[in-house]
Amino acid sequence: MTDLEELDVTELTPIEEALALIDQGLGGLTERQLVSAAEVADLLLDVRTLLSEQG
């Protein structure tokens, strides 16, 4: 049998989650020349949802 290493689980604040989501979204958008309004709206709604969550 092998020993399993314990993983440190850190809970992100809504701000940190929103920043990570923005970074991820922008990373995917920079490679493209055209972005639909629906994609931008989805990203903004996701950010709004994360920021409105109470931790």
C-alpha atoms as a PDB file:
ATOM      1  CA  MET A   1       0.000   0.000   0.000  1.00  0.00           C
ATOM      2  CA  THR A   2       1.129   3.553  -0.610  1.00  0.00           C
ATOM      3  CA  ASP A   3       0.662   6.509   1.674  1.00  0.00           C
ATOM      4  CA  LEU A   4      -1.493   9.284   0.317  1.00  0.00           C
ATOM      5  CA  GLU A   5      -0.154  12.774   0.709  1.00  0.00           C
ATOM      6  CA  GLU A   6      -2.414  15.255   2.415  1.00  0.00           C
ATOM      7  CA  LEU A   7      -3.421  18.104   0.178  1.00  0.00           C
ATOM      8  CA  ASP A   8      -3.801  21.566   1.602  1.00  0.00           C
ATOM      9  CA  VAL A   9      -7.249  22.713   0.620  1.00  0.00           C
ATOM     10  CA  THR A  10      -7.589  26.451   0.665  1.00  0.00           C
ATOM     11  CA  GLU A  11     -10.903  28.077   0.116  1.00  0.00           C
ATOM     12  CA  LEU A  12     -10.830  31.020  -2.254  1.00  0.00           C
ATOM     13  CA  THR A  13     -12.701  34.213  -1.510  1.00  0.00           C
ATOM     14  CA  PRO A  14     -15.292  35.340  -4.067  1.00  0.00           C
ATOM     15  CA  ILE A  15     -12.857  38.056  -5.200  1.00  0.00           C
ATOM     16  CA  GLU A  16     -10.091  35.511  -5.780  1.00  0.00           C
ATOM     17  CA  GLU A  17     -12.484  33.235  -7.657  1.00  0.00           C
ATOM     18  CA  ALA A  18     -13.653  36.141  -9.809  1.00  0.00           C
ATOM     19  CA  LEU A  19     -10.068  37.138 -10.595  1.00  0.00           C
ATOM     20  CA  ALA A  20      -9.245  33.554 -11.568  1.00  0.00           C
ATOM     21  CA  LEU A  21     -12.319  33.420 -13.799  1.00  0.00           C
ATOM     22  CA  ILE A  22     -11.380  36.713 -15.464  1.00  0.00           C
ATOM     23  CA  ASP A  23      -7.817  35.501 -16.047  1.00  0.00           C
ATOM     24  CA  GLN A  24      -9.097  32.254 -17.531  1.00  0.00           C
ATOM     25  CA  GLY A  25     -11.623  34.031 -19.746  1.00  0.00           C
ATOM     26  CA  LEU A  26      -9.150  36.622 -20.973  1.00  0.00           C
ATOM     27  CA  GLY A  27      -6.598  33.921 -21.682  1.00  0.00           C
ATOM     28  CA  GLY A  28      -9.005  32.249 -24.078  1.00  0.00           C
ATOM     29  CA  LEU A  29     -10.083  35.509 -25.700  1.00  0.00           C
ATOM     30  CA  THR A  30      -6.633  36.893 -26.488  1.00  0.00           C
ATOM     31  CA  GLU A  31      -6.053  34.247 -29.145  1.00  0.00           C
ATOM     32  CA  ARG A  32      -9.122  35.331 -31.097  1.00  0.00           C
ATOM     33  CA  GLN A  33      -9.853  38.406 -33.163  1.00  0.00           C
ATOM     34  CA  LEU A  34     -13.619  38.283 -32.767  1.00  0.00           C
ATOM     35  CA  VAL A  35     -15.601  37.622 -29.595  1.00  0.00           C
ATOM     36  CA  SER A  36     -19.378  37.425 -29.514  1.00  0.00           C
ATOM     37  CA  ALA A  37     -21.414  39.606 -27.209  1.00  0.00           C
ATOM     38  CA  ALA A  38     -22.947  36.453 -25.723  1.00  0.00           C
ATOM     39  CA  GLU A  39     -19.516  35.170 -24.649  1.00  0.00           C
ATOM     40  CA  VAL A  40     -18.670  38.484 -22.987  1.00  0.00           C
ATOM     41  CA  ALA A  41     -22.070  38.567 -21.284  1.00  0.00           C
ATOM     42  CA  ASP A  42     -21.562  35.014 -19.983  1.00  0.00           C
ATOM     43  CA  LEU A  43     -18.181  35.913 -18.542  1.00  0.00           C
ATOM     44  CA  LEU A  44     -19.556  39.049 -16.879  1.00  0.00           C
ATOM     45  CA  LEU A  45     -22.511  37.144 -15.423  1.00  0.00           C
ATOM     46  CA  ASP A  46     -20.169  34.494 -14.021  1.00  0.00           C
ATOM     47  CA  VAL A  47     -18.023  37.202 -12.423  1.00  0.00           C
ATOM     48  CA  ARG A  48     -21.100  38.942 -11.001  1.00  0.00           C
ATOM     49  CA  THR A  49     -22.345  35.660  -9.524  1.00  0.00           C
ATOM     50  CA  LEU A  50     -19.010  34.966  -7.840  1.00  0.00           C
ATOM     51  CA  LEU A  51     -18.778  38.483  -6.429  1.00  0.00           C
ATOM     52  CA  SER A  52     -22.318  38.425  -5.074  1.00  0.00           C
ATOM     53  CA  GLU A  53     -21.798  35.161  -3.172  1.00  0.00           C
ATOM     54  CA  GLN A  54     -21.394  35.561   0.539  1.00  0.00           C
ATOM     55  CA  GLY A  55     -18.524  33.530   1.984  1.00  0.00           C
END
